[in-house]
Amino acid sequence: MICISVTPESRRLAKADLLNASRQGDLIELCLDHLVRSPDIADLIEAVDKPILVTCRRSQDGGQWTGDETERLQLLRQAIVAEPEWIELDLDIAKKVPRYGRTKRVVAHTSLYESLGATRSEIDSVFDAARDADADVVKFTWPTPTLEAAWPLLSTVSQKRDLPVVGMGLGPCGLTFSLLARKYGSPWIYAALERGMEAYEGQPTVGDLDEIHRWRSISNKTHFIGFDGFDSGTMELIGLFNHAAEIAGLDARWLPLAWSDTGRLKQMLEVLKVGGVVGRSGGDERLGELAESREEALGVDGPVDLLMNRDGAWRGFGCLWRAALRTLESQQEGSGDRPLDRRNVLVFGSGALARTMIFGVTRRKGLVSVAGSNEKETRQLAADTGVRFIPAQNLYDTLVDIVVLADPDLELGPGRGQLNPAFLRPPMQVIDVAAGDEDTEVLAEARARGCCVVEPSVVRRNLAEGVFRSITGQDLPADNHDG
């Protein structure tokens, strides 16, 4: 179920807020602490046909109640007499509000500024106290900026206990918890009705859960793949992949993650049965640290942008170089089945990304040369990979069909270690594999000089297709390509 919180400040608007929430939520949380005057709770409960969870939180628990504690307890006792479906009671006061009628009890442990410790005894002590307070459900609320901070909450909800668990994670990985909680059978998860009504910064809306995360079809058999980040571009890709998985009939979902302790990540992923992690475009050093082996193209230090658990071992893959080559090949008109064969390709860069691109182009029979801002490193890269090294003074006399920019720190200019804009001339085809989703100064210059520029958006689309194919073994459905 989805629980939507409403926080009316006036009795007159309370019914409207409840009605709006009831159209999208399965359970409506009515927060009494925001009301200026005491309401007729029975009248509000009768206003909608969805179950109501009544709460009245103190400021130290994230609420707006600033009145006397005796008054708050009296308000909660009045609320339970109206027999809502649920009432939430803080762990320290739950015994002071006796069970009444059909109303079920959520006993809540809240810590706004620090996570509950990860030891089993600390978690068990909360369950023991909640059980003693006649709880039907135990609720935990604490900060979850990273997976490590959310871990006690996640490990709790993933285990079978005699009391059901719900949780509200405060921070990015609160969303991570909510999606996994759905898989592990938590009675409900929390969401905001719309933007601007979040209980905390970053809380997902009902629309987010439906349209991006497809939460309603998550089951205890759903397979999760992690996705590093919570930015808008990541959420766009997660939405694209989740939609594609539904179309393809795959019981798989992509899970946004954030972590700080790489050393613990594999263990947590294995416990949660998360089968892999999609990293940042262009490679993620943190994923590289976790890889127990890498595909041949990446060598020992190539950029890992996909980490998969294969037969109990974590293996690193690079999807960007494949996407870049696929994009280049698709734009070589009339070149037959081997579009890069015998084409003169200059790779500009001396790092791991450049090495990977050299590997890929060489495999496709391109004639590869390499140049870079650091000529000593570039010369060594050329020797290691068996391609031709081009010194800066010879660059402008070199026949080049395709320019592959693979240096994230590349600067334009006539100076030492820079790429002179005069080098860029038609009909060169130019691709910047270090650009990510953004246009770059070099691409803008190449475009202005009449070169055939491979747009970052095209590479990004092919990268999305490659990641999806690598994980699922299937192509993205056609109607998702422009998602």
Protein backbone atom coordinates (compact mmCIF):
# COMPACT_ATOMS: atom_id res chain seq x y z
CA MET A 1 0.00 0.00 0.00
CA ILE A 2 0.92 3.66 -0.42
CA CYS A 3 0.48 5.90 2.59
CA ILE A 4 0.05 9.58 1.74
CA SER A 5 0.42 12.17 4.48
CA VAL A 6 -1.88 15.20 4.62
CA THR A 7 -0.97 18.10 6.86
CA PRO A 8 -3.96 20.47 6.90
CA GLU A 9 -3.65 23.68 8.86
CA SER A 10 -7.37 24.45 8.94
CA ARG A 11 -10.37 22.27 9.63
CA ARG A 12 -12.09 23.75 6.58
CA LEU A 13 -9.39 22.49 4.18
CA ALA A 14 -8.77 19.19 5.92
CA LYS A 15 -11.57 17.36 4.09
CA ALA A 16 -10.35 18.60 0.72
CA ASP A 17 -6.82 17.40 1.48
CA LEU A 18 -8.11 14.01 2.55
CA LEU A 19 -10.23 13.68 -0.57
CA ASN A 20 -7.32 14.56 -2.88
CA ALA A 21 -5.05 12.05 -1.15
CA SER A 22 -7.69 9.31 -1.21
CA ARG A 23 -7.75 9.41 -5.01
CA GLN A 24 -4.15 8.18 -5.21
CA GLY A 25 -3.30 6.60 -1.86
CA ASP A 26 -4.35 3.38 -0.20
CA LEU A 27 -3.87 4.69 3.34
CA ILE A 28 -4.14 8.36 4.37
CA GLU A 29 -2.07 9.74 7.22
CA LEU A 30 -3.92 12.60 8.91
CA CYS A 31 -1.39 14.74 10.79
CA LEU A 32 -3.22 16.55 13.57
CA ASP A 33 -0.15 18.47 14.74
CA HIS A 34 -0.46 20.98 11.88
CA LEU A 35 -4.02 22.05 12.77
CA VAL A 36 -4.44 25.36 14.51
CA ARG A 37 -7.62 24.19 16.26
CA SER A 38 -8.74 20.76 17.40
CA PRO A 39 -10.87 19.08 14.71
CA ASP A 40 -13.90 16.83 14.78
CA ILE A 41 -11.84 13.72 14.08
CA ALA A 42 -14.84 11.44 13.56
CA ASP A 43 -16.20 13.83 10.94
CA LEU A 44 -12.87 13.85 9.09
CA ILE A 45 -12.59 10.07 9.14
CA GLU A 46 -16.03 9.74 7.57
CA ALA A 47 -15.08 12.17 4.78
CA VAL A 48 -13.26 9.50 2.72
CA ASP A 49 -13.68 5.79 2.10
CA LYS A 50 -9.97 5.00 2.50
CA PRO A 51 -8.44 3.88 5.83
CA ILE A 52 -7.02 6.68 7.98
CA LEU A 53 -3.83 6.70 10.06
CA VAL A 54 -3.99 9.43 12.71
CA THR A 55 -0.74 10.99 13.96
CA CYS A 56 0.19 13.95 16.13
CA ARG A 57 3.96 14.40 16.22
CA ARG A 58 6.13 16.53 18.43
CA SER A 59 8.75 18.79 16.88
CA GLN A 60 11.50 16.44 18.11
CA ASP A 61 9.86 13.69 16.02
CA GLY A 62 9.54 15.82 12.89
CA GLY A 63 6.06 17.17 13.58
CA GLN A 64 4.63 20.62 14.26
CA TRP A 65 3.11 20.10 17.69
CA THR A 66 4.33 22.79 20.07
CA GLY A 67 1.65 22.56 22.71
CA ASP A 68 1.51 20.86 26.07
CA GLU A 69 2.26 17.12 26.13
CA THR A 70 -0.81 16.48 28.27
CA GLU A 71 -2.96 18.10 25.59
CA ARG A 72 -1.34 16.00 22.87
CA LEU A 73 -2.04 12.79 24.77
CA GLN A 74 -5.64 13.87 25.27
CA LEU A 75 -5.97 14.57 21.53
CA LEU A 76 -4.62 11.11 20.70
CA ARG A 77 -7.06 9.49 23.14
CA GLN A 78 -9.93 11.40 21.53
CA ALA A 79 -8.73 10.29 18.12
CA ILE A 80 -8.67 6.61 19.05
CA VAL A 81 -12.25 6.85 20.34
CA ALA A 82 -13.27 7.92 16.80
CA GLU A 83 -11.92 4.52 15.70
CA PRO A 84 -9.69 5.31 12.74
CA GLU A 85 -8.15 2.28 11.06
CA TRP A 86 -4.73 3.11 12.56
CA ILE A 87 -3.17 5.40 15.14
CA GLU A 88 0.54 6.15 15.49
CA LEU A 89 1.99 6.35 18.99
CA ASP A 90 5.54 7.21 19.99
CA LEU A 91 7.38 4.42 21.74
CA ASP A 92 7.68 6.42 24.97
CA ILE A 93 3.95 7.21 25.28
CA ALA A 94 2.29 4.17 23.67
CA LYS A 95 1.40 2.55 27.00
CA LYS A 96 -0.40 5.75 28.07
CA VAL A 97 -2.92 5.41 25.23
CA PRO A 98 -4.79 2.11 25.65
CA ARG A 99 -6.14 0.05 22.78
CA TYR A 100 -9.71 0.92 21.87
CA GLY A 101 -12.23 -0.65 19.49
CA ARG A 102 -11.02 -1.77 16.07
CA THR A 103 -8.16 0.74 15.81
CA LYS A 104 -4.76 -0.84 15.16
CA ARG A 105 -1.60 0.58 16.69
CA VAL A 106 1.61 1.76 15.00
CA VAL A 107 4.30 2.14 17.64
CA ALA A 108 7.03 4.42 16.35
CA HIS A 109 10.74 4.84 17.04
CA THR A 110 12.00 8.16 15.63
CA SER A 111 15.51 9.60 15.46
CA LEU A 112 15.82 12.67 13.24
CA TYR A 113 19.54 13.23 13.54
CA GLU A 114 21.24 9.86 13.83
CA SER A 115 20.62 6.30 12.70
CA LEU A 116 19.83 3.53 15.09
CA GLY A 117 22.91 1.35 15.59
CA ALA A 118 23.29 -1.65 13.34
CA THR A 119 23.58 -4.20 16.15
CA ARG A 120 20.85 -6.77 16.44
CA SER A 121 20.38 -6.06 20.16
CA GLU A 122 19.47 -2.41 19.52
CA ILE A 123 16.90 -3.37 16.90
CA ASP A 124 15.53 -6.14 19.10
CA SER A 125 15.15 -3.77 22.06
CA VAL A 126 12.83 -1.57 20.00
CA PHE A 127 10.76 -4.58 18.98
CA ASP A 128 10.55 -5.75 22.58
CA ALA A 129 9.37 -2.34 23.75
CA ALA A 130 6.85 -2.07 20.91
CA ARG A 131 5.51 -5.52 21.68
CA ASP A 132 5.11 -4.56 25.33
CA ALA A 133 3.19 -1.47 24.19
CA ASP A 134 0.68 -3.66 22.32
CA ALA A 135 1.86 -2.74 18.80
CA ASP A 136 0.36 -4.11 15.61
CA VAL A 137 3.11 -2.55 13.47
CA VAL A 138 6.55 -1.15 14.36
CA LYS A 139 7.67 2.00 12.57
CA PHE A 140 11.24 3.29 12.31
CA THR A 141 12.20 6.78 11.17
CA TRP A 142 15.81 7.97 10.86
CA PRO A 143 18.24 9.66 8.43
CA THR A 144 19.20 7.60 5.39
CA PRO A 145 21.61 9.68 3.27
CA THR A 146 23.49 6.52 2.23
CA LEU A 147 22.94 2.80 2.00
CA GLU A 148 25.06 2.32 5.13
CA ALA A 149 22.78 4.62 7.13
CA ALA A 150 19.71 2.80 5.81
CA TRP A 151 21.22 -0.62 6.43
CA PRO A 152 19.70 -1.34 9.86
CA LEU A 153 16.30 -0.36 8.47
CA LEU A 154 16.79 -2.53 5.39
CA SER A 155 18.09 -5.54 7.29
CA THR A 156 15.14 -5.25 9.67
CA VAL A 157 12.47 -5.16 6.99
CA SER A 158 14.13 -8.00 5.02
CA GLN A 159 13.92 -10.40 7.98
CA LYS A 160 10.82 -12.24 9.10
CA ARG A 161 9.60 -10.98 12.47
CA ASP A 162 6.48 -11.43 14.53
CA LEU A 163 5.60 -7.73 14.10
CA PRO A 164 5.39 -6.12 10.64
CA VAL A 165 7.76 -3.21 9.97
CA VAL A 166 7.23 0.08 8.16
CA GLY A 167 9.85 2.76 7.82
CA MET A 168 10.46 6.30 6.69
CA GLY A 169 14.04 6.97 5.66
CA LEU A 170 14.94 10.66 5.74
CA GLY A 171 17.18 11.32 2.78
CA PRO A 172 17.97 9.85 -0.65
CA CYS A 173 18.12 6.20 0.41
CA GLY A 174 14.68 6.50 1.94
CA LEU A 175 13.51 5.78 -1.61
CA THR A 176 15.86 2.78 -1.72
CA PHE A 177 14.27 1.49 1.45
CA SER A 178 10.72 2.05 0.20
CA LEU A 179 11.25 0.05 -3.00
CA LEU A 180 12.93 -2.83 -1.19
CA ALA A 181 10.28 -2.70 1.55
CA ARG A 182 7.68 -3.34 -1.13
CA LYS A 183 9.59 -6.48 -2.16
CA TYR A 184 9.93 -7.71 1.40
CA GLY A 185 6.26 -7.25 2.27
CA SER A 186 6.21 -4.11 4.41
CA PRO A 187 2.51 -3.23 5.06
CA TRP A 188 2.89 0.18 3.36
CA ILE A 189 5.41 2.71 2.13
CA TYR A 190 5.23 6.50 2.38
CA ALA A 191 4.93 9.02 -0.43
CA ALA A 192 4.01 12.67 -0.93
CA LEU A 193 0.87 13.57 -2.82
CA GLU A 194 2.75 15.99 -5.07
CA ARG A 195 5.84 18.19 -5.28
CA GLY A 196 5.92 20.72 -2.49
CA MET A 197 4.12 18.43 -0.05
CA GLU A 198 7.05 16.16 0.84
CA ALA A 199 7.51 15.14 4.48
CA TYR A 200 11.27 15.54 3.94
CA GLU A 201 13.51 16.69 1.12
CA GLY A 202 13.71 14.12 -1.64
CA GLN A 203 10.66 12.09 -0.60
CA PRO A 204 9.12 10.47 -3.70
CA THR A 205 5.68 11.45 -4.82
CA VAL A 206 2.98 8.97 -5.72
CA GLY A 207 3.58 9.92 -9.34
CA ASP A 208 7.29 9.10 -9.00
CA LEU A 209 6.54 5.66 -7.57
CA ASP A 210 4.01 4.91 -10.30
CA GLU A 211 5.64 6.42 -13.37
CA ILE A 212 9.36 5.96 -12.65
CA HIS A 213 9.57 2.98 -10.31
CA ARG A 214 6.47 0.95 -11.30
CA TRP A 215 6.14 0.01 -7.65
CA ARG A 216 2.72 -1.65 -7.90
CA SER A 217 4.12 -4.62 -9.80
CA ILE A 218 7.09 -5.19 -7.46
CA SER A 219 6.77 -8.56 -5.75
CA ASN A 220 8.87 -10.78 -3.53
CA LYS A 221 10.28 -12.35 -6.71
CA THR A 222 11.35 -9.07 -8.32
CA HIS A 223 15.06 -8.82 -9.18
CA PHE A 224 16.77 -5.51 -8.42
CA ILE A 225 19.75 -3.90 -10.14
CA GLY A 226 21.32 -0.90 -8.40
CA PHE A 227 21.80 2.47 -10.08
CA ASP A 228 24.36 4.89 -8.66
CA GLY A 229 22.73 8.25 -7.97
CA PHE A 230 19.50 10.15 -7.50
CA ASP A 231 19.91 13.00 -10.00
CA SER A 232 17.31 13.73 -12.67
CA GLY A 233 19.29 12.02 -15.44
CA THR A 234 19.59 8.83 -13.40
CA MET A 235 15.87 8.88 -12.58
CA GLU A 236 15.08 9.32 -16.26
CA LEU A 237 17.10 6.20 -17.11
CA ILE A 238 15.55 4.23 -14.25
CA GLY A 239 12.10 5.15 -15.52
CA LEU A 240 13.10 4.14 -19.04
CA PHE A 241 14.46 0.77 -17.93
CA ASN A 242 11.54 -0.03 -15.62
CA HIS A 243 9.04 0.72 -18.37
CA ALA A 244 11.05 -1.41 -20.79
CA ALA A 245 11.18 -4.28 -18.30
CA GLU A 246 7.40 -4.23 -17.98
CA ILE A 247 6.94 -4.22 -21.75
CA ALA A 248 9.38 -7.11 -22.08
CA GLY A 249 7.65 -9.06 -19.31
CA LEU A 250 10.72 -9.01 -17.06
CA ASP A 251 10.25 -9.03 -13.31
CA ALA A 252 13.15 -6.63 -12.77
CA ARG A 253 13.51 -3.11 -11.36
CA TRP A 254 16.34 -0.60 -11.11
CA LEU A 255 17.12 0.66 -7.63
CA PRO A 256 18.69 4.09 -6.97
CA LEU A 257 21.59 3.88 -4.51
CA ALA A 258 24.13 6.06 -2.72
CA TRP A 259 26.96 4.71 -0.61
CA SER A 260 30.12 5.92 1.10
CA ASP A 261 31.78 2.70 2.27
CA THR A 262 32.75 0.69 -0.79
CA GLY A 263 34.17 -2.04 1.42
CA ARG A 264 30.72 -2.97 2.74
CA LEU A 265 28.78 -2.58 -0.49
CA LYS A 266 29.20 -6.11 -1.87
CA GLN A 267 28.03 -7.68 1.36
CA MET A 268 24.96 -5.45 1.52
CA LEU A 269 24.08 -6.09 -2.12
CA GLU A 270 24.38 -9.84 -1.62
CA VAL A 271 22.16 -9.82 1.47
CA LEU A 272 19.55 -7.73 -0.35
CA LYS A 273 19.88 -9.91 -3.47
CA VAL A 274 20.74 -6.94 -5.68
CA GLY A 275 22.42 -8.52 -8.68
CA GLY A 276 24.47 -5.61 -9.99
CA VAL A 277 25.09 -1.87 -10.07
CA VAL A 278 25.04 0.56 -12.99
CA GLY A 279 27.70 3.22 -12.42
CA ARG A 280 28.38 6.63 -13.83
CA SER A 281 28.79 7.04 -17.57
CA GLY A 282 32.46 6.81 -18.40
CA GLY A 283 33.28 4.59 -15.45
CA ASP A 284 33.15 4.67 -11.69
CA GLU A 285 36.35 4.12 -9.70
CA ARG A 286 34.30 2.83 -6.77
CA LEU A 287 32.81 0.08 -8.90
CA GLY A 288 36.24 -0.68 -10.25
CA GLU A 289 37.45 -1.29 -6.70
CA LEU A 290 34.70 -3.88 -6.23
CA ALA A 291 35.32 -5.77 -9.46
CA GLU A 292 37.00 -9.12 -8.82
CA SER A 293 37.63 -9.38 -12.55
CA ARG A 294 37.09 -7.21 -15.63
CA GLU A 295 36.26 -7.88 -19.22
CA GLU A 296 39.24 -7.90 -21.56
CA ALA A 297 38.57 -4.47 -23.03
CA LEU A 298 39.04 -2.79 -19.66
CA GLY A 299 42.43 -4.28 -18.85
CA VAL A 300 43.42 -3.80 -15.21
CA ASP A 301 42.28 -0.20 -14.82
CA GLY A 302 39.67 0.47 -17.50
CA PRO A 303 36.48 2.38 -16.59
CA VAL A 304 33.84 0.09 -15.04
CA ASP A 305 30.30 1.38 -15.56
CA LEU A 306 28.50 -1.90 -14.92
CA LEU A 307 29.20 -4.33 -12.07
CA MET A 308 27.40 -7.68 -12.18
CA ASN A 309 27.36 -10.67 -9.87
CA ARG A 310 28.02 -13.62 -12.15
CA ASP A 311 28.13 -17.06 -10.51
CA GLY A 312 28.96 -15.56 -7.13
CA ALA A 313 31.77 -13.30 -8.39
CA TRP A 314 31.59 -9.57 -9.13
CA ARG A 315 32.72 -8.77 -12.67
CA GLY A 316 33.28 -5.32 -14.16
CA PHE A 317 32.08 -4.32 -17.62
CA GLY A 318 32.38 -1.22 -19.78
CA CYS A 319 29.28 -0.22 -21.72
CA LEU A 320 30.39 3.27 -22.79
CA TRP A 321 33.05 2.16 -25.27
CA ARG A 322 30.60 -0.21 -26.95
CA ALA A 323 27.95 2.51 -27.14
CA ALA A 324 30.43 4.95 -28.65
CA LEU A 325 31.56 2.49 -31.30
CA ARG A 326 28.00 1.48 -32.09
CA THR A 327 27.16 5.15 -32.58
CA LEU A 328 30.14 5.74 -34.86
CA GLU A 329 29.36 2.67 -36.93
CA SER A 330 25.73 3.66 -37.36
CA GLN A 331 26.82 6.96 -38.90
CA GLN A 332 29.23 5.51 -41.46
CA GLU A 333 26.96 5.47 -44.49
CA GLY A 334 27.60 2.92 -47.20
CA SER A 335 30.36 1.15 -45.29
CA GLY A 336 28.82 -2.32 -45.27
CA ASP A 337 29.10 -4.74 -42.37
CA ARG A 338 32.46 -3.38 -41.14
CA PRO A 339 32.02 0.40 -41.12
CA LEU A 340 35.27 1.21 -39.26
CA ASP A 341 37.44 -1.12 -41.36
CA ARG A 342 40.48 0.82 -42.69
CA ARG A 343 39.13 4.14 -41.39
CA ASN A 344 41.75 6.49 -39.92
CA VAL A 345 40.79 6.99 -36.29
CA LEU A 346 42.65 9.36 -33.96
CA VAL A 347 42.09 8.77 -30.24
CA PHE A 348 42.99 11.83 -28.18
CA GLY A 349 43.85 10.95 -24.60
CA SER A 350 46.29 8.90 -22.54
CA GLY A 351 44.23 7.41 -19.74
CA ALA A 352 42.15 4.30 -19.17
CA LEU A 353 39.21 5.57 -21.24
CA ALA A 354 41.51 6.19 -24.23
CA ARG A 355 43.00 2.72 -23.82
CA THR A 356 39.55 1.16 -23.91
CA MET A 357 38.57 3.07 -27.05
CA ILE A 358 41.79 1.98 -28.76
CA PHE A 359 40.92 -1.62 -27.91
CA GLY A 360 37.44 -1.29 -29.40
CA VAL A 361 38.42 0.49 -32.61
CA THR A 362 41.32 -1.91 -33.19
CA ARG A 363 38.97 -4.88 -32.81
CA ARG A 364 36.82 -3.33 -35.54
CA LYS A 365 39.86 -3.06 -37.85
CA GLY A 366 40.15 0.72 -37.67
CA LEU A 367 43.57 2.28 -38.34
CA VAL A 368 44.25 3.80 -34.92
CA SER A 369 46.59 6.64 -34.00
CA VAL A 370 46.86 8.26 -30.57
CA ALA A 371 47.72 11.78 -29.45
CA GLY A 372 47.34 13.51 -26.12
CA SER A 373 48.07 16.48 -23.91
CA ASN A 374 50.75 14.51 -22.02
CA GLU A 375 53.05 13.23 -24.72
CA LYS A 376 55.13 11.01 -22.44
CA GLU A 377 52.05 9.13 -21.22
CA THR A 378 50.56 9.04 -24.71
CA ARG A 379 53.74 7.61 -26.21
CA GLN A 380 53.71 4.86 -23.56
CA LEU A 381 50.03 4.13 -24.30
CA ALA A 382 50.83 3.79 -28.00
CA ALA A 383 53.66 1.35 -27.23
CA ASP A 384 51.44 -0.68 -24.89
CA THR A 385 48.59 -0.99 -27.38
CA GLY A 386 50.62 -1.29 -30.60
CA VAL A 387 49.19 1.79 -32.33
CA ARG A 388 50.85 4.80 -33.92
CA PHE A 389 51.84 7.73 -31.72
CA ILE A 390 51.31 11.22 -33.19
CA PRO A 391 53.40 14.04 -31.67
CA ALA A 392 51.67 17.41 -31.35
CA GLN A 393 53.75 19.00 -34.11
CA ASN A 394 52.66 16.31 -36.58
CA LEU A 395 49.01 16.24 -35.64
CA TYR A 396 47.81 18.67 -38.27
CA ASP A 397 49.50 16.78 -41.14
CA THR A 398 47.88 13.46 -40.16
CA LEU A 399 45.07 11.99 -42.25
CA VAL A 400 42.10 11.58 -39.90
CA ASP A 401 38.57 10.41 -40.68
CA ILE A 402 37.30 10.08 -37.10
CA VAL A 403 38.39 11.89 -33.93
CA VAL A 404 37.64 10.15 -30.64
CA LEU A 405 38.10 12.53 -27.71
CA ALA A 406 38.78 10.49 -24.57
CA ASP A 407 40.30 13.04 -22.21
CA PRO A 408 37.94 14.52 -19.57
CA ASP A 409 40.43 17.36 -18.92
CA LEU A 410 40.94 18.31 -22.58
CA GLU A 411 41.39 22.03 -23.24
CA LEU A 412 41.16 23.90 -26.52
CA GLY A 413 43.92 26.31 -27.44
CA PRO A 414 47.26 26.75 -29.18
CA GLY A 415 49.36 26.08 -26.08
CA ARG A 416 51.34 23.07 -24.99
CA GLY A 417 49.07 20.20 -23.94
CA GLN A 418 46.03 21.77 -25.61
CA LEU A 419 44.15 20.82 -28.75
CA ASN A 420 44.39 23.54 -31.36
CA PRO A 421 40.91 24.26 -32.77
CA ALA A 422 42.46 24.57 -36.26
CA PHE A 423 42.95 20.79 -36.24
CA LEU A 424 39.16 20.30 -36.41
CA ARG A 425 38.02 20.50 -40.01
CA PRO A 426 35.43 18.84 -42.25
CA PRO A 427 34.71 16.12 -43.12
CA MET A 428 36.07 14.80 -39.80
CA GLN A 429 33.63 12.94 -37.60
CA VAL A 430 34.09 13.94 -33.94
CA ILE A 431 32.88 12.12 -30.84
CA ASP A 432 33.64 13.02 -27.21
CA VAL A 433 33.31 9.88 -25.10
CA ALA A 434 34.30 11.79 -21.95
CA ALA A 435 31.47 14.30 -22.37
CA GLY A 436 28.78 12.41 -20.52
CA ASP A 437 25.37 13.96 -21.11
CA GLU A 438 26.69 17.47 -21.71
CA ASP A 439 27.84 19.33 -24.78
CA THR A 440 31.49 20.40 -24.54
CA GLU A 441 33.59 23.29 -25.79
CA VAL A 442 35.40 20.97 -28.20
CA LEU A 443 32.17 19.63 -29.68
CA ALA A 444 30.79 23.14 -30.04
CA GLU A 445 33.98 24.20 -31.84
CA ALA A 446 33.91 21.12 -34.10
CA ARG A 447 30.27 21.78 -34.94
CA ALA A 448 30.98 25.42 -35.76
CA ARG A 449 33.86 24.39 -38.07
CA GLY A 450 31.65 22.04 -40.09
CA CYS A 451 32.71 18.70 -38.66
CA CYS A 452 30.23 15.86 -38.37
CA VAL A 453 29.62 15.85 -34.61
CA VAL A 454 28.25 12.82 -32.80
CA GLU A 455 25.79 14.34 -30.35
CA PRO A 456 26.09 13.27 -26.68
CA SER A 457 22.35 12.51 -26.62
CA VAL A 458 22.83 9.85 -29.31
CA VAL A 459 25.69 8.22 -27.40
CA ARG A 460 23.59 8.35 -24.25
CA ARG A 461 20.70 6.57 -25.96
CA ASN A 462 22.99 3.86 -27.29
CA LEU A 463 24.59 3.56 -23.85
CA ALA A 464 21.16 3.01 -22.29
CA GLU A 465 20.42 0.33 -24.88
CA GLY A 466 23.76 -1.34 -24.21
CA VAL A 467 23.32 -1.37 -20.44
CA PHE A 468 19.81 -2.80 -20.74
CA ARG A 469 21.00 -5.48 -23.16
CA SER A 470 23.99 -6.40 -20.98
CA ILE A 471 21.76 -6.93 -17.94
CA THR A 472 18.66 -8.49 -19.47
CA GLY A 473 19.90 -10.06 -22.69
CA GLN A 474 17.11 -8.23 -24.51
CA ASP A 475 16.87 -5.07 -26.60
CA LEU A 476 15.09 -2.01 -25.33
CA PRO A 477 11.59 -2.00 -26.82
CA ALA A 478 11.38 0.39 -29.75
CA ASP A 479 8.96 2.80 -28.08
CA ASN A 480 11.48 3.36 -25.27
CA HIS A 481 14.37 4.59 -27.41
CA ASP A 482 13.42 8.21 -27.14
CA GLY A 483 12.39 7.98 -23.49
